[in-house]
Amino acid sequence: MWEYRYREDCLLKGNCPKRCNPSCTIQPELYYLLENSNIPELYKKPKLLYPAPEDFNAFTTLSEIKKDAEYFVKEGRFLYIWGSSSGNGKSAFACKILQTYLAIMCTGNGFKDRGWFEYIPSFLLLAKNFEDKEKRQEHINNLLNRDLVVLDDIGAVRNTQYDITVLSDIINTRYSKRLATIFTSNVAPTALDIDQRLVNRLESDIVIEIKGKSRRESTSTYKRKSETEVGEPVVRSRVSNHF
């Protein structure tokens, strides 16, 4: 059960026409949308992304999509973001686009659900769990009906025929209903273990390759996260621009 509490550190602070106060009507709508979007905690707080030099153009295009998120959704666009390396910003940018759309829609939204994030490997396990039919159906309904859905890490596991059937239903339904969908993957659409007709639909609109290596770094020292940059560590490239 979702419970709203006023937050001094609202994500819209500095970008909102209203002054922050406990009687704000926008903040409850925003946090309702976020809490009911299934976005992982890691990605709920937006952070700056620093692309590898070779990915500057790709990140610029993704930034343009983020700024135009409302029309991206209205036009029912498909976006496929892929790159062979993990940790290079694919999922983070997909979530930034989803969060931007939720922030745009939160004013006067009336607590209507708008967006959904799904980590595909976990979902495919859930889809086989017929003992928890209620949770399984909840995820499927959200995937079939939300305005904007992120299908994260598609192609990360070897699909059974049942998996392909479930994914086919979701992709075909969203395509035919013109519902905006963002896919992230470590493989190109043509390398996915799915039906060729689905591949054709995944390639039918925007396909962006992220070529840079992982931006994650380990460290041999310890500091509280409040003393460092929150989120995944990044190596700042020579490209000064961030997204």
Protein backbone atom coordinates (compact mmCIF):
# COMPACT_ATOMS: atom_id res chain seq x y z
CA MET A 1 0.00 0.00 0.00
CA TRP A 2 1.53 3.32 -1.09
CA GLU A 3 1.69 6.04 1.53
CA TYR A 4 2.61 9.62 0.66
CA ARG A 5 4.84 11.77 2.83
CA TYR A 6 5.95 15.28 1.93
CA ARG A 7 9.61 15.48 0.88
CA GLU A 8 11.86 18.50 1.22
CA ASP A 9 14.19 17.09 -1.44
CA CYS A 10 11.51 16.80 -4.14
CA LEU A 11 12.86 15.67 -7.50
CA LEU A 12 11.14 18.65 -9.13
CA LYS A 13 12.78 21.20 -6.85
CA GLY A 14 14.10 24.07 -8.96
CA ASN A 15 12.11 22.96 -12.01
CA CYS A 16 8.58 23.45 -10.75
CA PRO A 17 6.28 26.48 -11.10
CA LYS A 18 5.04 26.02 -7.54
CA ARG A 19 6.87 26.80 -4.34
CA CYS A 20 7.73 23.74 -2.25
CA ASN A 21 5.38 23.31 0.72
CA PRO A 22 3.45 20.45 2.36
CA SER A 23 0.21 21.48 0.63
CA CYS A 24 1.70 20.98 -2.86
CA THR A 25 -0.61 19.01 -5.15
CA ILE A 26 2.07 18.14 -7.72
CA GLN A 27 4.51 16.28 -5.46
CA PRO A 28 2.01 13.56 -4.39
CA GLU A 29 1.15 12.87 -8.03
CA LEU A 30 4.83 12.63 -9.03
CA TYR A 31 5.77 10.23 -6.25
CA TYR A 32 2.65 8.15 -6.83
CA LEU A 33 3.69 7.70 -10.47
CA LEU A 34 7.27 6.85 -9.49
CA GLU A 35 6.31 4.39 -6.76
CA ASN A 36 3.86 2.64 -9.08
CA SER A 37 6.20 2.44 -12.06
CA ASN A 38 8.36 -0.46 -10.81
CA ILE A 39 11.53 1.60 -11.46
CA PRO A 40 14.38 0.08 -9.39
CA GLU A 41 15.62 2.12 -6.44
CA LEU A 42 19.00 2.50 -8.18
CA TYR A 43 17.39 4.55 -10.94
CA LYS A 44 14.68 6.46 -9.05
CA LYS A 45 16.92 9.44 -8.37
CA PRO A 46 18.10 10.92 -11.69
CA LYS A 47 21.84 11.31 -12.08
CA LEU A 48 24.19 12.77 -14.62
CA LEU A 49 25.52 10.42 -17.27
CA TYR A 50 28.92 10.92 -18.88
CA PRO A 51 29.22 9.10 -22.22
CA ALA A 52 32.34 7.68 -23.76
CA PRO A 53 33.53 9.97 -26.59
CA GLU A 54 32.26 7.57 -29.23
CA ASP A 55 28.77 7.69 -27.70
CA PHE A 56 28.31 11.46 -27.63
CA ASN A 57 26.02 11.50 -30.69
CA ALA A 58 23.98 8.57 -29.36
CA PHE A 59 23.52 10.28 -25.99
CA THR A 60 22.58 13.52 -27.73
CA THR A 61 19.81 11.72 -29.61
CA LEU A 62 18.60 10.07 -26.39
CA SER A 63 18.60 13.49 -24.72
CA GLU A 64 16.42 14.85 -27.54
CA ILE A 65 13.98 11.99 -27.00
CA LYS A 66 13.96 12.70 -23.24
CA LYS A 67 13.15 16.38 -23.83
CA ASP A 68 10.35 15.39 -26.21
CA ALA A 69 9.08 12.54 -24.00
CA GLU A 70 5.43 13.63 -24.10
CA TYR A 71 5.27 13.49 -27.92
CA PHE A 72 7.42 10.35 -28.02
CA VAL A 73 4.62 8.70 -26.03
CA LYS A 74 1.75 10.35 -27.88
CA GLU A 75 3.14 9.08 -31.18
CA GLY A 76 3.58 5.54 -29.81
CA ARG A 77 7.27 5.34 -30.67
CA PHE A 78 9.56 2.31 -30.29
CA LEU A 79 13.15 2.83 -29.11
CA TYR A 80 15.74 0.02 -29.01
CA ILE A 81 18.95 0.87 -27.10
CA TRP A 82 21.69 -1.73 -27.30
CA GLY A 83 25.39 -2.22 -26.68
CA SER A 84 27.53 -5.28 -26.04
CA SER A 85 28.92 -3.89 -22.76
CA SER A 86 26.96 -3.72 -19.52
CA GLY A 87 27.00 -0.62 -17.34
CA ASN A 88 27.35 1.93 -20.14
CA GLY A 89 24.14 3.85 -19.45
CA LYS A 90 21.47 2.00 -21.44
CA SER A 91 19.11 1.27 -18.55
CA ALA A 92 19.88 4.54 -16.79
CA PHE A 93 18.96 6.60 -19.86
CA ALA A 94 15.81 4.56 -20.47
CA CYS A 95 14.77 5.36 -16.90
CA LYS A 96 15.59 9.06 -17.39
CA ILE A 97 13.17 9.15 -20.33
CA LEU A 98 10.50 7.34 -18.30
CA GLN A 99 10.99 9.65 -15.31
CA THR A 100 10.79 12.73 -17.53
CA TYR A 101 7.49 11.54 -18.95
CA LEU A 102 6.10 10.93 -15.46
CA ALA A 103 7.24 14.40 -14.36
CA ILE A 104 5.47 15.95 -17.36
CA MET A 105 2.25 14.05 -16.72
CA CYS A 106 2.07 14.43 -12.92
CA THR A 107 0.31 17.83 -12.95
CA GLY A 108 -3.41 17.19 -12.72
CA ASN A 109 -2.93 13.51 -13.47
CA GLY A 110 -5.53 12.32 -10.99
CA PHE A 111 -3.35 9.43 -9.82
CA LYS A 112 -3.66 7.60 -13.12
CA ASP A 113 -0.90 5.05 -13.78
CA ARG A 114 1.28 6.06 -16.72
CA GLY A 115 4.62 4.24 -16.94
CA TRP A 116 6.17 0.88 -16.11
CA PHE A 117 9.68 -0.60 -15.91
CA GLU A 118 10.26 -4.34 -16.30
CA TYR A 119 13.53 -6.25 -15.93
CA ILE A 120 12.90 -9.01 -18.46
CA PRO A 121 14.92 -11.89 -16.89
CA SER A 122 12.96 -11.51 -13.61
CA PHE A 123 9.67 -11.06 -15.44
CA LEU A 124 10.10 -14.27 -17.44
CA LEU A 125 10.55 -16.16 -14.17
CA LEU A 126 7.45 -14.48 -12.76
CA ALA A 127 5.50 -15.30 -15.93
CA LYS A 128 6.02 -19.01 -15.18
CA ASN A 129 4.86 -18.65 -11.58
CA PHE A 130 1.26 -19.80 -11.82
CA GLU A 131 1.00 -20.07 -8.03
CA ASP A 132 1.06 -16.28 -7.66
CA LYS A 133 -1.44 -15.55 -10.43
CA GLU A 134 -2.40 -12.14 -9.06
CA LYS A 135 1.15 -10.71 -9.15
CA ARG A 136 1.84 -12.34 -12.50
CA GLN A 137 -1.31 -10.85 -14.04
CA GLU A 138 -0.58 -7.44 -12.51
CA HIS A 139 2.76 -7.26 -14.31
CA ILE A 140 1.30 -8.49 -17.59
CA ASN A 141 -1.57 -5.98 -17.44
CA ASN A 142 0.85 -3.12 -16.80
CA LEU A 143 3.07 -4.24 -19.68
CA LEU A 144 0.10 -4.38 -22.03
CA ASN A 145 -1.58 -1.11 -21.07
CA ARG A 146 0.72 1.58 -19.63
CA ASP A 147 1.43 4.64 -21.79
CA LEU A 148 5.20 4.09 -21.68
CA VAL A 149 6.98 0.86 -20.82
CA VAL A 150 10.70 0.06 -20.48
CA LEU A 151 11.59 -3.57 -21.25
CA ASP A 152 15.05 -3.81 -19.74
CA ASP A 153 17.72 -6.36 -20.74
CA ILE A 154 15.73 -8.18 -23.37
CA GLY A 155 17.73 -11.10 -24.74
CA ALA A 156 19.77 -11.51 -21.54
CA VAL A 157 18.61 -15.10 -21.05
CA ARG A 158 18.00 -17.97 -23.44
CA ASN A 159 14.28 -18.01 -24.15
CA THR A 160 12.03 -21.04 -24.00
CA GLN A 161 9.12 -21.26 -26.41
CA TYR A 162 6.85 -20.11 -23.59
CA ASP A 163 9.07 -17.05 -23.00
CA ILE A 164 8.91 -16.17 -26.70
CA THR A 165 5.12 -16.50 -26.68
CA VAL A 166 4.81 -14.16 -23.67
CA LEU A 167 7.20 -11.58 -25.13
CA SER A 168 5.50 -11.82 -28.52
CA ASP A 169 2.13 -11.05 -26.98
CA ILE A 170 3.50 -8.00 -25.16
CA ILE A 171 5.46 -6.58 -28.12
CA ASN A 172 2.69 -7.24 -30.66
CA THR A 173 0.02 -5.74 -28.41
CA ARG A 174 2.01 -2.58 -27.72
CA TYR A 175 2.93 -2.25 -31.40
CA SER A 176 -0.65 -2.67 -32.61
CA LYS A 177 -2.04 -0.30 -29.93
CA ARG A 178 0.70 2.27 -30.72
CA LEU A 179 1.95 2.31 -27.13
CA ALA A 180 5.44 3.78 -26.66
CA THR A 181 8.04 1.21 -25.65
CA ILE A 182 11.76 1.38 -24.83
CA PHE A 183 13.90 -1.73 -25.06
CA THR A 184 17.42 -2.15 -23.71
CA SER A 185 19.69 -5.05 -24.60
CA ASN A 186 23.27 -6.25 -24.86
CA VAL A 187 22.59 -7.58 -28.34
CA ALA A 188 21.41 -6.12 -31.64
CA PRO A 189 17.75 -6.79 -32.54
CA THR A 190 18.80 -9.26 -35.26
CA ALA A 191 20.67 -11.35 -32.67
CA LEU A 192 17.64 -11.87 -30.43
CA ASP A 193 16.29 -15.39 -30.03
CA ILE A 194 12.77 -14.42 -31.12
CA ASP A 195 10.54 -14.58 -34.18
CA GLN A 196 11.72 -12.58 -37.20
CA ARG A 197 8.44 -10.69 -37.29
CA LEU A 198 9.14 -9.38 -33.80
CA VAL A 199 12.67 -8.40 -34.81
CA ASN A 200 11.14 -6.42 -37.67
CA ARG A 201 8.93 -4.53 -35.25
CA LEU A 202 11.80 -3.82 -32.87
CA GLU A 203 13.76 -2.37 -35.80
CA SER A 204 10.80 -0.44 -37.20
CA ASP A 205 11.53 2.88 -35.48
CA ILE A 206 14.61 4.07 -33.53
CA VAL A 207 17.64 1.85 -32.91
CA ILE A 208 20.60 3.32 -31.01
CA GLU A 209 23.86 1.52 -30.33
CA ILE A 210 25.95 2.45 -27.26
CA LYS A 211 29.53 1.47 -28.08
CA GLY A 212 31.35 2.54 -24.90
CA LYS A 213 32.57 0.15 -22.22
CA SER A 214 31.16 -0.13 -18.72
CA ARG A 215 31.23 3.10 -16.71
CA ARG A 216 31.17 1.22 -13.43
CA GLU A 217 34.31 1.17 -11.32
CA SER A 218 35.39 -0.67 -8.20
CA THR A 219 37.41 1.00 -5.46
CA SER A 220 39.73 -0.14 -2.69
CA THR A 221 38.62 2.66 -0.35
CA TYR A 222 35.41 3.35 1.52
CA LYS A 223 33.38 6.55 1.85
CA ARG A 224 29.76 7.12 2.67
CA LYS A 225 27.71 7.67 -0.46
CA SER A 226 26.55 11.00 0.95
CA GLU A 227 30.18 12.16 0.64
CA THR A 228 30.53 11.07 -2.99
CA GLU A 229 28.42 11.10 -6.11
CA VAL A 230 25.25 9.07 -5.58
CA GLY A 231 24.62 6.27 -8.03
CA GLU A 232 26.89 4.20 -10.20
CA PRO A 233 30.47 5.49 -10.26
CA VAL A 234 31.44 6.96 -13.61
CA VAL A 235 34.69 7.72 -15.34
CA ARG A 236 34.39 11.21 -16.76
CA SER A 237 35.44 11.24 -20.36
CA ARG A 238 37.24 14.01 -22.15
CA VAL A 239 33.85 15.02 -23.47
CA SER A 240 32.75 17.63 -20.96
CA ASN A 241 29.04 17.37 -21.77
CA HIS A 242 26.83 15.32 -19.51
CA PHE A 243 23.25 14.19 -19.86
